[in-house]
Amino acid sequence: MKKVHPREVGGSIPAPVIFGGILDQTCLSWHQSCGKSGNCIVYENEGLSRGLFYALAVTLSFNMACYYASLIAHRRYTRQHDMVKKRSPAAK
């Protein structure tokens, strides 16, 4: 049995929900069949492009913030590790 990593769940589940919501909100005309709503026939192009742009901009900004936070944490860790290495008598 394969273990599910939290990164896989966090990376794969929200995207279809978010993009599906954007698509549903920008639909102007739904196909009706047997009294039930089906596929979207016509989208509002400007709203769809704006929604997709903002969703991708937010995602990219979040990814960049996480990248820089991990970069700063890595630099702090390596500095502390190098200081401890210099102080230890075995390093001399």
PDB file of N, CA and C in Angstrom:
ATOM      1  N   MET A   1       0.846  -1.176   0.000  1.00  0.00           N
ATOM      2  CA  MET A   1       0.000   0.000   0.000  1.00  0.00           C
ATOM      3  C   MET A   1       0.895   1.244   0.000  1.00  0.00           C
ATOM      4  N   LYS A   2       0.593   2.177  -0.859  1.00  0.00           N
ATOM      5  CA  LYS A   2       1.384   3.397  -0.985  1.00  0.00           C
ATOM      6  C   LYS A   2       0.982   4.406   0.085  1.00  0.00           C
ATOM      7  N   LYS A   3       2.005   5.021   0.702  1.00  0.00           N
ATOM      8  CA  LYS A   3       1.734   6.098   1.655  1.00  0.00           C
ATOM      9  C   LYS A   3       1.433   7.373   0.870  1.00  0.00           C
ATOM     10  N   VAL A   4       0.482   8.116   1.353  1.00  0.00           N
ATOM     11  CA  VAL A   4       0.123   9.377   0.703  1.00  0.00           C
ATOM     12  C   VAL A   4       0.826  10.500   1.443  1.00  0.00           C
ATOM     13  N   HIS A   5       1.637  11.231   0.719  1.00  0.00           N
ATOM     14  CA  HIS A   5       2.374  12.355   1.289  1.00  0.00           C
ATOM     15  C   HIS A   5       1.462  13.580   1.312  1.00  0.00           C
ATOM     16  N   PRO A   6       1.507  14.383   2.389  1.00  0.00           N
ATOM     17  CA  PRO A   6       0.644  15.579   2.450  1.00  0.00           C
ATOM     18  C   PRO A   6       0.830  16.515   1.263  1.00  0.00           C
ATOM     19  N   ARG A   7       2.040  16.563   0.720  1.00  0.00           N
ATOM     20  CA  ARG A   7       2.301  17.426  -0.429  1.00  0.00           C
ATOM     21  C   ARG A   7       1.463  16.990  -1.630  1.00  0.00           C
ATOM     22  N   GLU A   8       1.299  15.671  -1.796  1.00  0.00           N
ATOM     23  CA  GLU A   8       0.503  15.169  -2.915  1.00  0.00           C
ATOM     24  C   GLU A   8      -0.967  15.537  -2.761  1.00  0.00           C
ATOM     25  N   VAL A   9      -1.474  15.459  -1.551  1.00  0.00           N
ATOM     26  CA  VAL A   9      -2.879  15.796  -1.304  1.00  0.00           C
ATOM     27  C   VAL A   9      -3.094  17.293  -1.476  1.00  0.00           C
ATOM     28  N   GLY A  10      -2.209  18.091  -0.900  1.00  0.00           N
ATOM     29  CA  GLY A  10      -2.347  19.541  -0.987  1.00  0.00           C
ATOM     30  C   GLY A  10      -2.154  20.073  -2.387  1.00  0.00           C
ATOM     31  N   GLY A  11      -1.382  19.361  -3.200  1.00  0.00           N
ATOM     32  CA  GLY A  11      -1.109  19.834  -4.544  1.00  0.00           C
ATOM     33  C   GLY A  11      -2.101  19.379  -5.587  1.00  0.00           C
ATOM     34  N   SER A  12      -2.822  18.315  -5.309  1.00  0.00           N
ATOM     35  CA  SER A  12      -3.676  17.777  -6.359  1.00  0.00           C
ATOM     36  C   SER A  12      -5.171  17.975  -6.122  1.00  0.00           C
ATOM     37  N   ILE A  13      -5.601  18.135  -4.907  1.00  0.00           N
ATOM     38  CA  ILE A  13      -7.038  18.244  -4.646  1.00  0.00           C
ATOM     39  C   ILE A  13      -7.582  19.658  -4.866  1.00  0.00           C
ATOM     40  N   PRO A  14      -6.949  20.715  -4.355  1.00  0.00           N
ATOM     41  CA  PRO A  14      -7.565  22.047  -4.494  1.00  0.00           C
ATOM     42  C   PRO A  14      -7.656  22.570  -5.926  1.00  0.00           C
ATOM     43  N   ALA A  15      -6.714  22.233  -6.784  1.00  0.00           N
ATOM     44  CA  ALA A  15      -6.690  22.817  -8.128  1.00  0.00           C
ATOM     45  C   ALA A  15      -7.965  22.544  -8.926  1.00  0.00           C
ATOM     46  N   PRO A  16      -8.427  21.307  -9.043  1.00  0.00           N
ATOM     47  CA  PRO A  16      -9.664  21.093  -9.808  1.00  0.00           C
ATOM     48  C   PRO A  16     -10.879  21.788  -9.191  1.00  0.00           C
ATOM     49  N   VAL A  17     -10.908  21.874  -7.876  1.00  0.00           N
ATOM     50  CA  VAL A  17     -12.030  22.538  -7.210  1.00  0.00           C
ATOM     51  C   VAL A  17     -12.004  24.036  -7.505  1.00  0.00           C
ATOM     52  N   ILE A  18     -10.830  24.639  -7.401  1.00  0.00           N
ATOM     53  CA  ILE A  18     -10.696  26.080  -7.642  1.00  0.00           C
ATOM     54  C   ILE A  18     -10.989  26.418  -9.101  1.00  0.00           C
ATOM     55  N   PHE A  19     -10.348  25.700 -10.021  1.00  0.00           N
ATOM     56  CA  PHE A  19     -10.555  26.002 -11.436  1.00  0.00           C
ATOM     57  C   PHE A  19     -11.968  25.637 -11.886  1.00  0.00           C
ATOM     58  N   GLY A  20     -12.539  24.590 -11.326  1.00  0.00           N
ATOM     59  CA  GLY A  20     -13.931  24.253 -11.622  1.00  0.00           C
ATOM     60  C   GLY A  20     -14.883  25.332 -11.151  1.00  0.00           C
ATOM     61  N   GLY A  21     -14.597  25.906  -9.982  1.00  0.00           N
ATOM     62  CA  GLY A  21     -15.418  27.009  -9.476  1.00  0.00           C
ATOM     63  C   GLY A  21     -15.338  28.230 -10.367  1.00  0.00           C
ATOM     64  N   ILE A  22     -14.131  28.519 -10.852  1.00  0.00           N
ATOM     65  CA  ILE A  22     -13.967  29.658 -11.762  1.00  0.00           C
ATOM     66  C   ILE A  22     -14.755  29.416 -13.047  1.00  0.00           C
ATOM     67  N   LEU A  23     -14.660  28.207 -13.578  1.00  0.00           N
ATOM     68  CA  LEU A  23     -15.402  27.885 -14.801  1.00  0.00           C
ATOM     69  C   LEU A  23     -16.908  27.974 -14.578  1.00  0.00           C
ATOM     70  N   ASP A  24     -17.376  27.468 -13.448  1.00  0.00           N
ATOM     71  CA  ASP A  24     -18.814  27.507 -13.161  1.00  0.00           C
ATOM     72  C   ASP A  24     -19.328  28.935 -12.989  1.00  0.00           C
ATOM     73  N   GLN A  25     -18.527  29.799 -12.361  1.00  0.00           N
ATOM     74  CA  GLN A  25     -18.963  31.178 -12.128  1.00  0.00           C
ATOM     75  C   GLN A  25     -19.028  31.999 -13.408  1.00  0.00           C
ATOM     76  N   THR A  26     -18.214  31.642 -14.389  1.00  0.00           N
ATOM     77  CA  THR A  26     -18.178  32.443 -15.619  1.00  0.00           C
ATOM     78  C   THR A  26     -19.067  31.876 -16.721  1.00  0.00           C
ATOM     79  N   CYS A  27     -19.811  30.837 -16.420  1.00  0.00           N
ATOM     80  CA  CYS A  27     -20.704  30.248 -17.422  1.00  0.00           C
ATOM     81  C   CYS A  27     -21.929  31.142 -17.613  1.00  0.00           C
ATOM     82  N   LEU A  28     -22.248  31.425 -18.860  1.00  0.00           N
ATOM     83  CA  LEU A  28     -23.415  32.246 -19.179  1.00  0.00           C
ATOM     84  C   LEU A  28     -24.627  31.401 -19.544  1.00  0.00           C
ATOM     85  N   SER A  29     -24.399  30.244 -20.143  1.00  0.00           N
ATOM     86  CA  SER A  29     -25.511  29.408 -20.593  1.00  0.00           C
ATOM     87  C   SER A  29     -25.179  27.935 -20.375  1.00  0.00           C
ATOM     88  N   TRP A  30     -26.075  27.249 -19.654  1.00  0.00           N
ATOM     89  CA  TRP A  30     -25.892  25.824 -19.363  1.00  0.00           C
ATOM     90  C   TRP A  30     -26.778  24.992 -20.277  1.00  0.00           C
ATOM     91  N   HIS A  31     -26.284  23.839 -20.677  1.00  0.00           N
ATOM     92  CA  HIS A  31     -27.072  22.888 -21.465  1.00  0.00           C
ATOM     93  C   HIS A  31     -28.056  22.198 -20.526  1.00  0.00           C
ATOM     94  N   GLN A  32     -29.327  22.206 -20.886  1.00  0.00           N
ATOM     95  CA  GLN A  32     -30.368  21.569 -20.075  1.00  0.00           C
ATOM     96  C   GLN A  32     -30.767  20.242 -20.712  1.00  0.00           C
ATOM     97  N   SER A  33     -30.831  19.192 -19.895  1.00  0.00           N
ATOM     98  CA  SER A  33     -31.264  17.889 -20.387  1.00  0.00           C
ATOM     99  C   SER A  33     -32.108  17.223 -19.313  1.00  0.00           C
ATOM    100  N   CYS A  34     -33.329  16.905 -19.636  1.00  0.00           N
ATOM    101  CA  CYS A  34     -34.262  16.264 -18.695  1.00  0.00           C
ATOM    102  C   CYS A  34     -34.435  17.087 -17.423  1.00  0.00           C
ATOM    103  N   GLY A  35     -34.443  18.390 -17.565  1.00  0.00           N
ATOM    104  CA  GLY A  35     -34.641  19.265 -16.420  1.00  0.00           C
ATOM    105  C   GLY A  35     -33.420  19.427 -15.527  1.00  0.00           C
ATOM    106  N   LYS A  36     -32.286  18.879 -15.937  1.00  0.00           N
ATOM    107  CA  LYS A  36     -31.064  18.996 -15.135  1.00  0.00           C
ATOM    108  C   LYS A  36     -30.030  19.820 -15.894  1.00  0.00           C
ATOM    109  N   SER A  37     -29.230  20.534 -15.130  1.00  0.00           N
ATOM    110  CA  SER A  37     -28.169  21.346 -15.709  1.00  0.00           C
ATOM    111  C   SER A  37     -27.003  20.442 -16.108  1.00  0.00           C
ATOM    112  N   GLY A  38     -26.472  20.680 -17.310  1.00  0.00           N
ATOM    113  CA  GLY A  38     -25.367  19.858 -17.807  1.00  0.00           C
ATOM    114  C   GLY A  38     -24.110  20.678 -18.002  1.00  0.00           C
ATOM    115  N   ASN A  39     -23.527  20.551 -19.191  1.00  0.00           N
ATOM    116  CA  ASN A  39     -22.287  21.253 -19.518  1.00  0.00           C
ATOM    117  C   ASN A  39     -22.548  22.718 -19.832  1.00  0.00           C
ATOM    118  N   CYS A  40     -21.505  23.512 -19.653  1.00  0.00           N
ATOM    119  CA  CYS A  40     -21.596  24.925 -20.006  1.00  0.00           C
ATOM    120  C   CYS A  40     -21.465  25.062 -21.515  1.00  0.00           C
ATOM    121  N   ILE A  41     -22.312  25.904 -22.086  1.00  0.00           N
ATOM    122  CA  ILE A  41     -22.289  26.123 -23.531  1.00  0.00           C
ATOM    123  C   ILE A  41     -21.488  27.380 -23.870  1.00  0.00           C
ATOM    124  N   VAL A  42     -21.696  28.461 -23.105  1.00  0.00           N
ATOM    125  CA  VAL A  42     -21.049  29.744 -23.389  1.00  0.00           C
ATOM    126  C   VAL A  42     -20.436  30.294 -22.107  1.00  0.00           C
ATOM    127  N   TYR A  43     -19.168  30.709 -22.214  1.00  0.00           N
ATOM    128  CA  TYR A  43     -18.469  31.322 -21.080  1.00  0.00           C
ATOM    129  C   TYR A  43     -18.313  32.817 -21.311  1.00  0.00           C
ATOM    130  N   GLU A  44     -18.241  33.559 -20.213  1.00  0.00           N
ATOM    131  CA  GLU A  44     -17.902  34.981 -20.288  1.00  0.00           C
ATOM    132  C   GLU A  44     -16.380  35.046 -20.388  1.00  0.00           C
ATOM    133  N   ASN A  45     -15.863  35.337 -21.570  1.00  0.00           N
ATOM    134  CA  ASN A  45     -14.426  35.254 -21.827  1.00  0.00           C
ATOM    135  C   ASN A  45     -13.595  36.166 -20.931  1.00  0.00           C
ATOM    136  N   GLU A  46     -14.048  37.405 -20.758  1.00  0.00           N
ATOM    137  CA  GLU A  46     -13.270  38.355 -19.952  1.00  0.00           C
ATOM    138  C   GLU A  46     -13.208  37.908 -18.493  1.00  0.00           C
ATOM    139  N   GLY A  47     -14.328  37.485 -17.951  1.00  0.00           N
ATOM    140  CA  GLY A  47     -14.356  37.014 -16.565  1.00  0.00           C
ATOM    141  C   GLY A  47     -13.553  35.742 -16.375  1.00  0.00           C
ATOM    142  N   LEU A  48     -13.613  34.856 -17.360  1.00  0.00           N
ATOM    143  CA  LEU A  48     -12.859  33.608 -17.289  1.00  0.00           C
ATOM    144  C   LEU A  48     -11.361  33.877 -17.312  1.00  0.00           C
ATOM    145  N   SER A  49     -10.918  34.744 -18.217  1.00  0.00           N
ATOM    146  CA  SER A  49      -9.488  35.044 -18.292  1.00  0.00           C
ATOM    147  C   SER A  49      -9.009  35.765 -17.032  1.00  0.00           C
ATOM    148  N   ARG A  50      -9.819  36.663 -16.499  1.00  0.00           N
ATOM    149  CA  ARG A  50      -9.452  37.371 -15.271  1.00  0.00           C
ATOM    150  C   ARG A  50      -9.386  36.404 -14.086  1.00  0.00           C
ATOM    151  N   GLY A  51     -10.366  35.523 -13.968  1.00  0.00           N
ATOM    152  CA  GLY A  51     -10.379  34.558 -12.871  1.00  0.00           C
ATOM    153  C   GLY A  51      -9.197  33.612 -12.917  1.00  0.00           C
ATOM    154  N   LEU A  52      -8.877  33.109 -14.110  1.00  0.00           N
ATOM    155  CA  LEU A  52      -7.727  32.214 -14.249  1.00  0.00           C
ATOM    156  C   LEU A  52      -6.421  32.951 -13.969  1.00  0.00           C
ATOM    157  N   PHE A  53      -6.319  34.194 -14.436  1.00  0.00           N
ATOM    158  CA  PHE A  53      -5.114  34.980 -14.178  1.00  0.00           C
ATOM    159  C   PHE A  53      -4.905  35.190 -12.683  1.00  0.00           C
ATOM    160  N   TYR A  54      -5.948  35.598 -11.970  1.00  0.00           N
ATOM    161  CA  TYR A  54      -5.818  35.840 -10.534  1.00  0.00           C
ATOM    162  C   TYR A  54      -5.512  34.556  -9.770  1.00  0.00           C
ATOM    163  N   ALA A  55      -6.137  33.459 -10.157  1.00  0.00           N
ATOM    164  CA  ALA A  55      -5.861  32.185  -9.483  1.00  0.00           C
ATOM    165  C   ALA A  55      -4.403  31.783  -9.674  1.00  0.00           C
ATOM    166  N   LEU A  56      -3.898  31.938 -10.886  1.00  0.00           N
ATOM    167  CA  LEU A  56      -2.503  31.588 -11.143  1.00  0.00           C
ATOM    168  C   LEU A  56      -1.546  32.575 -10.478  1.00  0.00           C
ATOM    169  N   ALA A  57      -1.900  33.855 -10.435  1.00  0.00           N
ATOM    170  CA  ALA A  57      -1.048  34.853  -9.786  1.00  0.00           C
ATOM    171  C   ALA A  57      -0.941  34.587  -8.289  1.00  0.00           C
ATOM    172  N   VAL A  58      -2.054  34.240  -7.660  1.00  0.00           N
ATOM    173  CA  VAL A  58      -2.035  33.923  -6.226  1.00  0.00           C
ATOM    174  C   VAL A  58      -1.207  32.670  -5.972  1.00  0.00           C
ATOM    175  N   THR A  59      -1.387  31.659  -6.807  1.00  0.00           N
ATOM    176  CA  THR A  59      -0.630  30.419  -6.656  1.00  0.00           C
ATOM    177  C   THR A  59       0.863  30.668  -6.823  1.00  0.00           C
ATOM    178  N   LEU A  60       1.238  31.422  -7.837  1.00  0.00           N
ATOM    179  CA  LEU A  60       2.646  31.717  -8.072  1.00  0.00           C
ATOM    180  C   LEU A  60       3.227  32.533  -6.921  1.00  0.00           C
ATOM    181  N   SER A  61       2.493  33.509  -6.423  1.00  0.00           N
ATOM    182  CA  SER A  61       2.967  34.317  -5.293  1.00  0.00           C
ATOM    183  C   SER A  61       3.180  33.458  -4.055  1.00  0.00           C
ATOM    184  N   PHE A  62       2.250  32.552  -3.790  1.00  0.00           N
ATOM    185  CA  PHE A  62       2.386  31.647  -2.646  1.00  0.00           C
ATOM    186  C   PHE A  62       3.604  30.745  -2.816  1.00  0.00           C
ATOM    187  N   ASN A  63       3.807  30.218  -4.019  1.00  0.00           N
ATOM    188  CA  ASN A  63       4.966  29.365  -4.275  1.00  0.00           C
ATOM    189  C   ASN A  63       6.269  30.125  -4.093  1.00  0.00           C
ATOM    190  N   MET A  64       6.319  31.362  -4.570  1.00  0.00           N
ATOM    191  CA  MET A  64       7.537  32.159  -4.414  1.00  0.00           C
ATOM    192  C   MET A  64       7.803  32.469  -2.945  1.00  0.00           C
ATOM    193  N   ALA A  65       6.760  32.774  -2.180  1.00  0.00           N
ATOM    194  CA  ALA A  65       6.923  33.048  -0.751  1.00  0.00           C
ATOM    195  C   ALA A  65       7.448  31.812  -0.025  1.00  0.00           C
ATOM    196  N   CYS A  66       6.924  30.647  -0.356  1.00  0.00           N
ATOM    197  CA  CYS A  66       7.407  29.402   0.263  1.00  0.00           C
ATOM    198  C   CYS A  66       8.852  29.128  -0.126  1.00  0.00           C
ATOM    199  N   TYR A  67       9.204  29.384  -1.379  1.00  0.00           N
ATOM    200  CA  TYR A  67      10.574  29.167  -1.837  1.00  0.00           C
ATOM    201  C   TYR A  67      11.545  30.067  -1.075  1.00  0.00           C
ATOM    202  N   TYR A  68      11.225  31.351  -0.968  1.00  0.00           N
ATOM    203  CA  TYR A  68      12.126  32.267  -0.276  1.00  0.00           C
ATOM    204  C   TYR A  68      12.188  31.981   1.223  1.00  0.00           C
ATOM    205  N   ALA A  69      11.091  31.564   1.820  1.00  0.00           N
ATOM    206  CA  ALA A  69      11.112  31.192   3.239  1.00  0.00           C
ATOM    207  C   ALA A  69      12.008  29.982   3.456  1.00  0.00           C
ATOM    208  N   SER A  70      11.940  29.007   2.566  1.00  0.00           N
ATOM    209  CA  SER A  70      12.804  27.835   2.712  1.00  0.00           C
ATOM    210  C   SER A  70      14.260  28.192   2.439  1.00  0.00           C
ATOM    211  N   LEU A  71      14.506  29.113   1.525  1.00  0.00           N
ATOM    212  CA  LEU A  71      15.870  29.557   1.246  1.00  0.00           C
ATOM    213  C   LEU A  71      16.469  30.255   2.463  1.00  0.00           C
ATOM    214  N   ILE A  72      15.710  31.126   3.103  1.00  0.00           N
ATOM    215  CA  ILE A  72      16.181  31.818   4.304  1.00  0.00           C
ATOM    216  C   ILE A  72      16.424  30.824   5.429  1.00  0.00           C
ATOM    217  N   ALA A  73      15.518  29.880   5.620  1.00  0.00           N
ATOM    218  CA  ALA A  73      15.689  28.873   6.671  1.00  0.00           C
ATOM    219  C   ALA A  73      16.922  28.020   6.405  1.00  0.00           C
ATOM    220  N   HIS A  74      17.165  27.673   5.159  1.00  0.00           N
ATOM    221  CA  HIS A  74      18.339  26.866   4.814  1.00  0.00           C
ATOM    222  C   HIS A  74      19.627  27.635   5.088  1.00  0.00           C
ATOM    223  N   ARG A  75      19.654  28.905   4.731  1.00  0.00           N
ATOM    224  CA  ARG A  75      20.857  29.714   4.973  1.00  0.00           C
ATOM    225  C   ARG A  75      21.134  29.851   6.470  1.00  0.00           C
ATOM    226  N   ARG A  76      20.089  30.066   7.266  1.00  0.00           N
ATOM    227  CA  ARG A  76      20.281  30.162   8.718  1.00  0.00           C
ATOM    228  C   ARG A  76      20.800  28.852   9.282  1.00  0.00           C
ATOM    229  N   TYR A  77      20.247  27.745   8.812  1.00  0.00           N
ATOM    230  CA  TYR A  77      20.673  26.438   9.304  1.00  0.00           C
ATOM    231  C   TYR A  77      22.134  26.176   8.948  1.00  0.00           C
ATOM    232  N   THR A  78      22.526  26.479   7.721  1.00  0.00           N
ATOM    233  CA  THR A  78      23.908  26.213   7.323  1.00  0.00           C
ATOM    234  C   THR A  78      24.881  27.130   8.058  1.00  0.00           C
ATOM    235  N   ARG A  79      24.497  28.370   8.323  1.00  0.00           N
ATOM    236  CA  ARG A  79      25.369  29.258   9.105  1.00  0.00           C
ATOM    237  C   ARG A  79      25.571  28.720  10.514  1.00  0.00           C
ATOM    238  N   GLN A  80      24.486  28.310  11.155  1.00  0.00           N
ATOM    239  CA  GLN A  80      24.592  27.764  12.511  1.00  0.00           C
ATOM    240  C   GLN A  80      25.400  26.477  12.508  1.00  0.00           C
ATOM    241  N   HIS A  81      25.199  25.646  11.521  1.00  0.00           N
ATOM    242  CA  HIS A  81      25.922  24.383  11.433  1.00  0.00           C
ATOM    243  C   HIS A  81      27.414  24.641  11.216  1.00  0.00           C
ATOM    244  N   ASP A  82      27.758  25.634  10.388  1.00  0.00           N
ATOM    245  CA  ASP A  82      29.160  25.974  10.155  1.00  0.00           C
ATOM    246  C   ASP A  82      29.809  26.538  11.409  1.00  0.00           C
ATOM    247  N   MET A  83      29.071  27.342  12.200  1.00  0.00           N
ATOM    248  CA  MET A  83      29.617  27.893  13.443  1.00  0.00           C
ATOM    249  C   MET A  83      29.909  26.784  14.441  1.00  0.00           C
ATOM    250  N   VAL A  84      29.015  25.838  14.563  1.00  0.00           N
ATOM    251  CA  VAL A  84      29.214  24.718  15.485  1.00  0.00           C
ATOM    252  C   VAL A  84      30.404  23.895  15.031  1.00  0.00           C
ATOM    253  N   LYS A  85      30.561  23.710  13.746  1.00  0.00           N
ATOM    254  CA  LYS A  85      31.674  22.941  13.204  1.00  0.00           C
ATOM    255  C   LYS A  85      33.009  23.625  13.513  1.00  0.00           C
ATOM    256  N   LYS A  86      33.060  24.958  13.405  1.00  0.00           N
ATOM    257  CA  LYS A  86      34.292  25.700  13.664  1.00  0.00           C
ATOM    258  C   LYS A  86      34.674  25.662  15.134  1.00  0.00           C
ATOM    259  N   ARG A  87      33.687  25.627  16.026  1.00  0.00           N
ATOM    260  CA  ARG A  87      33.949  25.632  17.465  1.00  0.00           C
ATOM    261  C   ARG A  87      34.382  24.272  17.995  1.00  0.00           C
ATOM    262  N   SER A  88      33.995  23.215  17.334  1.00  0.00           N
ATOM    263  CA  SER A  88      34.299  21.882  17.869  1.00  0.00           C
ATOM    264  C   SER A  88      35.787  21.582  17.718  1.00  0.00           C
ATOM    265  N   PRO A  89      36.398  20.924  18.741  1.00  0.00           N
ATOM    266  CA  PRO A  89      37.832  20.630  18.687  1.00  0.00           C
ATOM    267  C   PRO A  89      38.175  19.603  17.605  1.00  0.00           C
ATOM    268  N   ALA A  90      37.252  18.786  17.197  1.00  0.00           N
ATOM    269  CA  ALA A  90      37.524  17.773  16.181  1.00  0.00           C
ATOM    270  C   ALA A  90      37.725  18.403  14.807  1.00  0.00           C
ATOM    271  N   ALA A  91      37.209  19.606  14.621  1.00  0.00           N
ATOM    272  CA  ALA A  91      37.319  20.276  13.330  1.00  0.00           C
ATOM    273  C   ALA A  91      38.710  20.839  13.092  1.00  0.00           C
ATOM    274  N   LYS A  92      39.498  20.999  14.144  1.00  0.00           N
ATOM    275  CA  LYS A  92      40.834  21.597  13.998  1.00  0.00           C
ATOM    276  C   LYS A  92      41.858  20.618  13.610  1.00  0.00           C
TER     277      LYS A  92
END
